[in-house]
Amino acid sequence: MKPQITLAHKTNKKAILRFYKNNHYSASFLGFDSCYVIKDEQSIIASVIISKIKESQENSQLSFLHALVVKAQYQHIGLASQLLSHVQNLHSPFVCFANDELSALYTKNQMTKLADDEVVEKVPEHLVLRFQSYQIKQPQLKVFLSR
């Protein structure tokens, strides 16, 4: 049976933040967020947050995907791909940052890994600045753009 992806409600915010903390991930809500979760019984086993942002260059909607986390014992069974596919159907285009070792996951899910020289031209300035600040501590971080 395919796991069911549900849109989390504001009343679930504490449980979602606890899920991230328990999985050693520092997640936060940025404002106009949608959070999608997959549960096993009552506990969250996978989650992703997508935040709407304004892209100033084209004045079109762009979203920022962050906090894609799957609980360790549920990894490598396709849950991350299911969440990515679900978000692509509802929130494209979007951009995300991920460790280079996860490139295969993102590219097999119809995302393009941007070359370092493409980031500035294809990503809004405030996200470029965020990316650059993260990259100081995580040099393997790359930018992915949905197609």
N, C-alpha and C. Protein backbone atom coordinates (compact mmCIF):
# COMPACT_ATOMS: atom_id res chain seq x y z
N MET A 1 0.84 -1.19 0.00
CA MET A 1 0.00 0.00 0.00
C MET A 1 0.88 1.25 0.00
N LYS A 2 0.56 2.19 -0.88
CA LYS A 2 1.30 3.43 -0.98
C LYS A 2 0.98 4.33 0.22
N PRO A 3 2.01 4.84 0.89
CA PRO A 3 1.75 5.73 2.04
C PRO A 3 0.98 6.97 1.61
N GLN A 4 0.15 7.46 2.49
CA GLN A 4 -0.67 8.64 2.18
C GLN A 4 0.04 9.91 2.63
N ILE A 5 0.10 10.86 1.71
CA ILE A 5 0.68 12.16 2.00
C ILE A 5 -0.45 13.10 2.37
N THR A 6 -0.28 13.79 3.50
CA THR A 6 -1.32 14.72 3.92
C THR A 6 -0.72 16.10 4.18
N LEU A 7 -1.54 17.10 3.96
CA LEU A 7 -1.16 18.47 4.27
C LEU A 7 -1.34 18.66 5.77
N ALA A 8 -0.27 19.04 6.44
CA ALA A 8 -0.34 19.24 7.89
C ALA A 8 -1.08 20.54 8.19
N HIS A 9 -1.77 20.54 9.31
CA HIS A 9 -2.49 21.73 9.76
C HIS A 9 -1.67 22.45 10.82
N LYS A 10 -1.98 23.71 11.05
CA LYS A 10 -1.25 24.49 12.05
C LYS A 10 -1.26 23.82 13.43
N THR A 11 -2.30 23.07 13.71
CA THR A 11 -2.37 22.39 15.01
C THR A 11 -1.31 21.30 15.13
N ASN A 12 -0.72 20.88 14.02
CA ASN A 12 0.32 19.86 14.03
C ASN A 12 1.73 20.44 14.12
N LYS A 13 1.85 21.76 14.22
CA LYS A 13 3.16 22.41 14.15
C LYS A 13 4.13 21.88 15.21
N LYS A 14 3.69 21.71 16.44
CA LYS A 14 4.57 21.22 17.50
C LYS A 14 5.06 19.81 17.20
N ALA A 15 4.17 18.96 16.73
CA ALA A 15 4.55 17.58 16.39
C ALA A 15 5.54 17.56 15.23
N ILE A 16 5.35 18.44 14.27
CA ILE A 16 6.25 18.52 13.12
C ILE A 16 7.64 18.98 13.56
N LEU A 17 7.69 20.04 14.34
CA LEU A 17 8.99 20.53 14.83
C LEU A 17 9.68 19.48 15.70
N ARG A 18 8.91 18.73 16.49
CA ARG A 18 9.48 17.64 17.30
C ARG A 18 10.04 16.55 16.39
N PHE A 19 9.33 16.22 15.30
CA PHE A 19 9.83 15.24 14.34
C PHE A 19 11.19 15.66 13.81
N TYR A 20 11.30 16.92 13.40
CA TYR A 20 12.58 17.41 12.87
C TYR A 20 13.67 17.36 13.94
N LYS A 21 13.36 17.80 15.12
CA LYS A 21 14.35 17.79 16.21
C LYS A 21 14.81 16.37 16.51
N ASN A 22 13.88 15.43 16.56
CA ASN A 22 14.21 14.02 16.83
C ASN A 22 15.06 13.41 15.72
N ASN A 23 14.98 13.98 14.53
CA ASN A 23 15.76 13.49 13.40
C ASN A 23 16.97 14.38 13.11
N HIS A 24 17.35 15.17 14.12
CA HIS A 24 18.56 15.99 14.07
C HIS A 24 18.59 16.94 12.89
N TYR A 25 17.44 17.58 12.66
CA TYR A 25 17.34 18.54 11.58
C TYR A 25 16.74 19.83 12.12
N SER A 26 17.37 20.93 11.82
CA SER A 26 16.89 22.22 12.29
C SER A 26 15.95 22.81 11.24
N ALA A 27 14.67 22.69 11.48
CA ALA A 27 13.68 23.19 10.53
C ALA A 27 12.91 24.35 11.16
N SER A 28 12.47 25.24 10.29
CA SER A 28 11.63 26.34 10.75
C SER A 28 10.63 26.68 9.65
N PHE A 29 9.57 27.31 10.07
CA PHE A 29 8.58 27.77 9.12
C PHE A 29 8.92 29.20 8.72
N LEU A 30 8.81 29.52 7.44
CA LEU A 30 9.26 30.81 6.93
C LEU A 30 8.14 31.81 6.73
N GLY A 31 6.91 31.40 6.78
CA GLY A 31 5.81 32.35 6.55
C GLY A 31 4.66 31.69 5.85
N PHE A 32 4.65 31.76 4.52
CA PHE A 32 3.57 31.17 3.74
C PHE A 32 3.96 29.74 3.38
N ASP A 33 3.85 28.86 4.37
CA ASP A 33 4.34 27.49 4.24
C ASP A 33 3.21 26.48 4.08
N SER A 34 3.57 25.41 3.39
CA SER A 34 2.75 24.21 3.37
C SER A 34 3.68 23.08 3.81
N CYS A 35 3.20 22.27 4.71
CA CYS A 35 4.00 21.15 5.19
C CYS A 35 3.23 19.87 4.88
N TYR A 36 3.93 18.94 4.23
CA TYR A 36 3.32 17.66 3.88
C TYR A 36 4.01 16.57 4.68
N VAL A 37 3.22 15.66 5.21
CA VAL A 37 3.75 14.60 6.05
C VAL A 37 3.25 13.24 5.59
N ILE A 38 4.04 12.24 5.93
CA ILE A 38 3.64 10.84 5.78
C ILE A 38 3.72 10.25 7.18
N LYS A 39 2.65 9.56 7.58
CA LYS A 39 2.61 8.98 8.92
C LYS A 39 2.54 7.46 8.84
N ASP A 40 3.09 6.83 9.86
CA ASP A 40 2.95 5.40 10.09
C ASP A 40 2.16 5.29 11.38
N GLU A 41 0.93 4.86 11.28
CA GLU A 41 0.01 4.93 12.43
C GLU A 41 -0.18 6.40 12.78
N GLN A 42 0.27 6.84 13.95
CA GLN A 42 0.09 8.24 14.35
C GLN A 42 1.36 9.07 14.30
N SER A 43 2.53 8.44 14.12
CA SER A 43 3.77 9.22 14.15
C SER A 43 4.24 9.58 12.74
N ILE A 44 4.84 10.75 12.64
CA ILE A 44 5.35 11.24 11.37
C ILE A 44 6.62 10.47 11.04
N ILE A 45 6.71 9.98 9.79
CA ILE A 45 7.90 9.26 9.35
C ILE A 45 8.64 9.99 8.23
N ALA A 46 7.98 10.98 7.63
CA ALA A 46 8.60 11.79 6.58
C ALA A 46 7.85 13.11 6.48
N SER A 47 8.61 14.15 6.13
CA SER A 47 7.99 15.47 6.05
C SER A 47 8.80 16.35 5.11
N VAL A 48 8.13 17.34 4.55
CA VAL A 48 8.77 18.36 3.73
C VAL A 48 7.99 19.66 3.92
N ILE A 49 8.72 20.77 3.86
CA ILE A 49 8.09 22.08 3.95
C ILE A 49 8.37 22.82 2.64
N ILE A 50 7.35 23.46 2.13
CA ILE A 50 7.49 24.28 0.93
C ILE A 50 6.97 25.68 1.26
N SER A 51 7.78 26.68 0.97
CA SER A 51 7.43 28.06 1.30
C SER A 51 7.29 28.87 0.03
N LYS A 52 6.21 29.62 -0.06
CA LYS A 52 6.00 30.49 -1.23
C LYS A 52 6.84 31.75 -1.05
N ILE A 53 7.51 32.12 -2.13
CA ILE A 53 8.29 33.35 -2.15
C ILE A 53 8.00 34.07 -3.45
N LYS A 54 8.27 35.33 -3.50
CA LYS A 54 8.11 36.11 -4.74
C LYS A 54 9.45 36.19 -5.43
N GLU A 55 9.46 35.86 -6.70
CA GLU A 55 10.67 36.01 -7.50
C GLU A 55 10.61 37.39 -8.15
N SER A 56 11.49 38.26 -7.75
CA SER A 56 11.41 39.65 -8.19
C SER A 56 11.70 39.83 -9.68
N GLN A 57 12.59 39.01 -10.26
CA GLN A 57 12.98 39.20 -11.65
C GLN A 57 11.80 39.08 -12.61
N GLU A 58 11.01 38.06 -12.46
CA GLU A 58 9.90 37.82 -13.39
C GLU A 58 8.54 38.11 -12.76
N ASN A 59 8.55 38.44 -11.48
CA ASN A 59 7.32 38.70 -10.73
C ASN A 59 6.38 37.50 -10.75
N SER A 60 6.95 36.31 -10.80
CA SER A 60 6.14 35.10 -10.79
C SER A 60 6.35 34.36 -9.46
N GLN A 61 5.46 33.46 -9.17
CA GLN A 61 5.57 32.71 -7.94
C GLN A 61 6.67 31.66 -8.05
N LEU A 62 7.49 31.60 -7.05
CA LEU A 62 8.51 30.58 -6.92
C LEU A 62 8.41 30.08 -5.50
N SER A 63 8.59 28.79 -5.32
CA SER A 63 8.54 28.24 -3.98
C SER A 63 9.93 27.75 -3.59
N PHE A 64 10.13 27.63 -2.29
CA PHE A 64 11.39 27.16 -1.73
C PHE A 64 11.11 25.88 -0.94
N LEU A 65 11.65 24.77 -1.42
CA LEU A 65 11.47 23.48 -0.76
C LEU A 65 12.60 23.32 0.25
N HIS A 66 12.24 22.98 1.47
CA HIS A 66 13.25 22.75 2.50
C HIS A 66 12.73 21.72 3.49
N ALA A 67 13.63 21.23 4.28
CA ALA A 67 13.30 20.31 5.36
C ALA A 67 12.69 18.99 4.86
N LEU A 68 13.23 18.45 3.79
CA LEU A 68 12.81 17.12 3.32
C LEU A 68 13.56 16.10 4.16
N VAL A 69 12.85 15.45 5.06
CA VAL A 69 13.45 14.50 6.00
C VAL A 69 12.62 13.24 6.06
N VAL A 70 13.29 12.10 6.01
CA VAL A 70 12.66 10.79 6.18
C VAL A 70 13.35 10.13 7.36
N LYS A 71 12.55 9.63 8.28
CA LYS A 71 13.08 8.93 9.46
C LYS A 71 13.98 7.78 9.00
N ALA A 72 15.10 7.60 9.69
CA ALA A 72 16.17 6.67 9.26
C ALA A 72 15.65 5.29 8.87
N GLN A 73 14.81 4.69 9.68
CA GLN A 73 14.37 3.32 9.39
C GLN A 73 13.40 3.22 8.22
N TYR A 74 12.99 4.37 7.66
CA TYR A 74 12.08 4.39 6.52
C TYR A 74 12.74 4.91 5.25
N GLN A 75 14.06 5.12 5.30
CA GLN A 75 14.77 5.63 4.14
C GLN A 75 14.98 4.53 3.10
N HIS A 76 15.20 4.95 1.86
CA HIS A 76 15.49 4.06 0.73
C HIS A 76 14.31 3.18 0.32
N ILE A 77 13.10 3.65 0.59
CA ILE A 77 11.91 2.92 0.12
C ILE A 77 11.02 3.82 -0.74
N GLY A 78 11.52 5.00 -1.09
CA GLY A 78 10.80 5.87 -2.02
C GLY A 78 9.96 6.98 -1.41
N LEU A 79 10.00 7.16 -0.09
CA LEU A 79 9.17 8.19 0.52
C LEU A 79 9.59 9.60 0.11
N ALA A 80 10.88 9.85 0.03
CA ALA A 80 11.35 11.18 -0.38
C ALA A 80 10.90 11.48 -1.81
N SER A 81 11.00 10.50 -2.68
CA SER A 81 10.55 10.69 -4.07
C SER A 81 9.06 10.95 -4.13
N GLN A 82 8.28 10.26 -3.30
CA GLN A 82 6.84 10.49 -3.28
C GLN A 82 6.52 11.92 -2.83
N LEU A 83 7.24 12.39 -1.80
CA LEU A 83 7.02 13.76 -1.34
C LEU A 83 7.42 14.77 -2.41
N LEU A 84 8.55 14.54 -3.07
CA LEU A 84 8.98 15.45 -4.15
C LEU A 84 7.97 15.50 -5.28
N SER A 85 7.48 14.35 -5.69
CA SER A 85 6.50 14.29 -6.76
C SER A 85 5.22 15.03 -6.37
N HIS A 86 4.78 14.81 -5.15
CA HIS A 86 3.56 15.47 -4.65
C HIS A 86 3.73 16.99 -4.68
N VAL A 87 4.86 17.47 -4.19
CA VAL A 87 5.11 18.91 -4.15
C VAL A 87 5.23 19.48 -5.57
N GLN A 88 5.85 18.73 -6.47
CA GLN A 88 5.97 19.21 -7.86
C GLN A 88 4.60 19.40 -8.50
N ASN A 89 3.68 18.52 -8.19
CA ASN A 89 2.34 18.63 -8.76
C ASN A 89 1.59 19.85 -8.25
N LEU A 90 1.93 20.32 -7.07
CA LEU A 90 1.18 21.41 -6.45
C LEU A 90 1.90 22.75 -6.41
N HIS A 91 3.22 22.75 -6.42
CA HIS A 91 3.96 23.97 -6.11
C HIS A 91 5.08 24.33 -7.09
N SER A 92 5.12 23.78 -8.27
CA SER A 92 6.20 24.13 -9.20
C SER A 92 5.98 25.52 -9.76
N PRO A 93 7.02 26.27 -10.04
CA PRO A 93 8.42 25.90 -9.89
C PRO A 93 8.90 26.13 -8.46
N PHE A 94 9.93 25.38 -8.09
CA PHE A 94 10.54 25.60 -6.78
C PHE A 94 12.03 25.33 -6.85
N VAL A 95 12.71 25.83 -5.84
CA VAL A 95 14.15 25.67 -5.72
C VAL A 95 14.43 25.03 -4.36
N CYS A 96 15.51 24.27 -4.26
CA CYS A 96 15.91 23.72 -2.97
C CYS A 96 17.42 23.60 -2.90
N PHE A 97 17.92 23.49 -1.68
CA PHE A 97 19.34 23.27 -1.44
C PHE A 97 19.48 21.87 -0.86
N ALA A 98 20.47 21.13 -1.33
CA ALA A 98 20.71 19.79 -0.80
C ALA A 98 22.17 19.42 -0.96
N ASN A 99 22.61 18.52 -0.12
CA ASN A 99 23.98 18.03 -0.18
C ASN A 99 24.19 17.34 -1.53
N ASP A 100 25.36 17.52 -2.10
CA ASP A 100 25.67 16.95 -3.42
C ASP A 100 25.47 15.44 -3.46
N GLU A 101 25.66 14.76 -2.33
CA GLU A 101 25.47 13.29 -2.32
C GLU A 101 24.02 12.89 -2.57
N LEU A 102 23.09 13.84 -2.50
CA LEU A 102 21.68 13.57 -2.78
C LEU A 102 21.29 13.94 -4.21
N SER A 103 22.26 14.26 -5.05
CA SER A 103 21.98 14.67 -6.43
C SER A 103 21.14 13.66 -7.18
N ALA A 104 21.44 12.38 -7.02
CA ALA A 104 20.69 11.34 -7.74
C ALA A 104 19.21 11.38 -7.38
N LEU A 105 18.90 11.58 -6.12
CA LEU A 105 17.50 11.66 -5.69
C LEU A 105 16.78 12.80 -6.40
N TYR A 106 17.39 13.96 -6.41
CA TYR A 106 16.73 15.12 -6.99
C TYR A 106 16.67 15.06 -8.51
N THR A 107 17.74 14.63 -9.16
CA THR A 107 17.72 14.58 -10.62
C THR A 107 16.78 13.50 -11.14
N LYS A 108 16.66 12.37 -10.43
CA LYS A 108 15.71 11.35 -10.89
C LYS A 108 14.26 11.79 -10.68
N ASN A 109 14.08 12.83 -9.88
CA ASN A 109 12.75 13.39 -9.64
C ASN A 109 12.56 14.70 -10.41
N GLN A 110 13.10 14.73 -11.64
CA GLN A 110 12.91 15.83 -12.58
C GLN A 110 13.35 17.20 -12.05
N MET A 111 14.45 17.21 -11.34
CA MET A 111 15.03 18.48 -10.89
C MET A 111 16.40 18.64 -11.54
N THR A 112 16.78 19.87 -11.76
CA THR A 112 18.05 20.18 -12.39
C THR A 112 19.02 20.70 -11.33
N LYS A 113 20.21 20.12 -11.30
CA LYS A 113 21.25 20.64 -10.41
C LYS A 113 21.92 21.81 -11.13
N LEU A 114 21.89 22.97 -10.49
CA LEU A 114 22.47 24.15 -11.10
C LEU A 114 23.98 24.18 -10.90
N ALA A 115 24.69 24.55 -11.95
CA ALA A 115 26.12 24.79 -11.83
C ALA A 115 26.30 26.04 -10.98
N ASP A 116 27.45 26.15 -10.33
CA ASP A 116 27.69 27.29 -9.46
C ASP A 116 27.46 28.63 -10.16
N ASP A 117 27.84 28.75 -11.42
CA ASP A 117 27.67 30.02 -12.14
C ASP A 117 26.21 30.27 -12.56
N GLU A 118 25.34 29.28 -12.49
CA GLU A 118 23.93 29.45 -12.84
C GLU A 118 23.08 29.94 -11.67
N VAL A 119 23.56 29.71 -10.46
CA VAL A 119 22.77 30.02 -9.26
C VAL A 119 22.36 31.48 -9.23
N VAL A 120 23.29 32.37 -9.44
CA VAL A 120 23.00 33.81 -9.35
C VAL A 120 21.98 34.25 -10.39
N GLU A 121 22.01 33.66 -11.58
CA GLU A 121 21.08 34.09 -12.63
C GLU A 121 19.71 33.44 -12.54
N LYS A 122 19.59 32.29 -11.89
CA LYS A 122 18.31 31.57 -11.88
C LYS A 122 17.59 31.55 -10.54
N VAL A 123 18.23 32.06 -9.50
CA VAL A 123 17.66 32.02 -8.15
C VAL A 123 17.55 33.44 -7.62
N PRO A 124 16.43 33.78 -6.98
CA PRO A 124 16.28 35.13 -6.42
C PRO A 124 17.43 35.47 -5.46
N GLU A 125 17.78 36.74 -5.44
CA GLU A 125 18.95 37.20 -4.68
C GLU A 125 18.92 36.80 -3.21
N HIS A 126 17.75 36.94 -2.56
CA HIS A 126 17.71 36.62 -1.13
C HIS A 126 17.95 35.13 -0.88
N LEU A 127 17.57 34.27 -1.83
CA LEU A 127 17.86 32.84 -1.67
C LEU A 127 19.33 32.55 -2.00
N VAL A 128 19.90 33.29 -2.92
CA VAL A 128 21.33 33.14 -3.21
C VAL A 128 22.12 33.48 -1.95
N LEU A 129 21.75 34.55 -1.29
CA LEU A 129 22.45 34.94 -0.06
C LEU A 129 22.29 33.88 1.03
N ARG A 130 21.10 33.33 1.15
CA ARG A 130 20.86 32.25 2.11
C ARG A 130 21.72 31.04 1.76
N PHE A 131 21.73 30.67 0.49
CA PHE A 131 22.53 29.54 0.02
C PHE A 131 24.01 29.76 0.34
N GLN A 132 24.51 30.93 0.03
CA GLN A 132 25.92 31.23 0.27
C GLN A 132 26.27 31.16 1.76
N SER A 133 25.37 31.61 2.61
CA SER A 133 25.64 31.53 4.06
C SER A 133 25.64 30.08 4.54
N TYR A 134 24.75 29.25 3.99
CA TYR A 134 24.72 27.82 4.36
C TYR A 134 25.96 27.11 3.84
N GLN A 135 26.40 27.51 2.66
CA GLN A 135 27.51 26.83 2.00
C GLN A 135 28.84 27.01 2.74
N ILE A 136 28.93 28.03 3.57
CA ILE A 136 30.14 28.23 4.37
C ILE A 136 30.38 27.03 5.28
N LYS A 137 29.31 26.56 5.93
CA LYS A 137 29.43 25.40 6.83
C LYS A 137 29.25 24.07 6.09
N GLN A 138 28.58 24.12 4.94
CA GLN A 138 28.30 22.90 4.18
C GLN A 138 28.75 23.09 2.73
N PRO A 139 30.05 22.97 2.47
CA PRO A 139 30.55 23.25 1.12
C PRO A 139 30.01 22.31 0.03
N GLN A 140 29.46 21.15 0.41
CA GLN A 140 28.92 20.21 -0.57
C GLN A 140 27.48 20.56 -0.98
N LEU A 141 26.95 21.65 -0.45
CA LEU A 141 25.58 22.05 -0.73
C LEU A 141 25.44 22.50 -2.18
N LYS A 142 24.36 22.06 -2.83
CA LYS A 142 24.07 22.43 -4.21
C LYS A 142 22.64 22.97 -4.29
N VAL A 143 22.35 23.64 -5.41
CA VAL A 143 21.03 24.19 -5.66
C VAL A 143 20.36 23.36 -6.74
N PHE A 144 19.09 23.00 -6.49
CA PHE A 144 18.29 22.22 -7.43
C PHE A 144 17.04 23.02 -7.77
N LEU A 145 16.65 22.96 -9.04
CA LEU A 145 15.49 23.69 -9.52
C LEU A 145 14.54 22.71 -10.18
N SER A 146 13.25 22.82 -9.83
CA SER A 146 12.27 21.93 -10.46
C SER A 146 12.11 22.32 -11.92
N ARG A 147 11.78 21.34 -12.75
CA ARG A 147 11.65 21.60 -14.20
C ARG A 147 10.24 21.98 -14.55
